[in-house]
Protein backbone atom coordinates (compact mmCIF):
# COMPACT_ATOMS: atom_id res chain seq x y z
CA MET A 1 2.06 25.07 -10.95
CA THR A 2 4.18 25.50 -14.06
CA PRO A 3 6.99 28.04 -14.26
CA ALA A 4 6.71 31.09 -16.51
CA HIS A 5 8.91 29.46 -19.18
CA GLY A 6 6.29 26.79 -19.81
CA LYS A 7 8.49 23.91 -18.66
CA GLU A 8 7.34 21.60 -15.91
CA ASP A 9 9.48 21.48 -12.75
CA THR A 10 10.88 17.95 -12.43
CA SER A 11 13.68 18.70 -9.97
CA ARG A 12 11.89 16.94 -7.14
CA GLY A 13 11.43 13.67 -9.01
CA THR A 14 9.15 10.89 -7.83
CA ALA A 15 9.45 8.47 -4.93
CA ASP A 16 10.47 5.71 -7.36
CA SER A 17 13.35 7.71 -8.83
CA LYS A 18 14.95 8.45 -5.43
CA ARG A 19 15.13 4.81 -4.24
CA MET A 20 14.65 5.64 -0.57
CA SER A 21 14.96 2.79 1.90
CA GLU A 22 14.18 2.50 5.58
CA PHE A 23 17.13 2.24 7.95
CA ALA A 24 17.07 1.46 11.66
CA VAL A 25 19.71 3.46 13.53
CA SER A 26 20.47 2.59 17.14
CA GLY A 27 22.78 3.97 19.79
CA ARG A 28 22.83 6.20 22.83
CA PHE A 29 23.08 9.88 23.67
CA GLN A 30 24.09 11.92 26.70
CA SER A 31 21.23 13.09 28.87
CA ARG A 32 20.94 14.59 32.34
CA ASP A 33 20.80 11.15 33.94
CA GLY A 34 23.77 9.68 32.07
CA TYR A 35 23.10 8.02 28.74
CA SER A 36 19.78 7.19 27.08
CA ASN A 37 19.40 4.50 24.44
CA PHE A 38 17.56 5.19 21.20
CA GLU A 39 16.42 3.47 18.04
CA LYS A 40 15.16 5.56 15.13
CA VAL A 41 13.82 4.48 11.75
CA VAL A 42 14.55 6.94 8.94
CA ASP A 43 14.05 7.02 5.17
CA ALA A 44 17.31 7.61 3.31
CA PRO A 45 19.01 6.64 0.05
CA ASN A 46 21.91 4.96 1.94
CA ASP A 47 23.21 4.25 5.44
CA ASP A 48 25.53 7.28 5.56
CA VAL A 49 22.62 9.64 4.92
CA ALA A 50 20.53 7.77 7.50
CA ARG A 51 23.30 8.32 10.06
CA GLU A 52 23.46 12.05 9.22
CA ARG A 53 19.68 12.42 9.56
CA VAL A 54 19.76 10.86 13.01
CA TYR A 55 22.54 13.23 14.11
CA ALA A 56 20.50 16.18 12.83
CA ASN A 57 17.19 15.02 14.33
CA LEU A 58 18.55 14.12 17.77
CA GLY A 59 20.59 17.30 17.87
CA SER A 60 17.52 19.34 17.07
CA GLU A 61 15.13 17.51 19.41
CA HIS A 62 17.44 17.30 22.43
CA GLY A 63 19.91 20.13 21.90
CA LEU A 64 22.84 17.74 21.44
CA LYS A 65 26.13 18.03 19.61
CA ARG A 66 27.42 15.16 17.47
CA THR A 67 30.03 14.31 20.10
CA GLN A 68 27.20 13.61 22.56
CA ILE A 69 25.63 10.98 20.26
CA ASP A 70 27.05 7.45 19.90
CA ILE A 71 25.64 5.47 16.98
CA ASP A 72 26.10 1.74 17.49
CA GLY A 73 24.64 0.46 14.24
CA VAL A 74 22.72 1.14 11.07
CA THR A 75 20.71 -1.65 9.46
CA GLY A 76 18.60 -1.59 6.31
CA GLN A 77 15.05 -2.84 6.54
């Protein structure tokens, strides 16, 4: 859909212009039974963003705060 001004919306870009990579993020989080290990694979432009996405996803899925999540490593794939 084109905006009313007749210009095409290019703010989203394409997959090639974003240069997303896969990152494997591993660590552990607090659960009822102590700590649970995890390994998540996320698409992100760099390892810092991958780390932030894991904090957000685990926090949302398990009701955790960042202090309850320990990230051991982030590796690019």
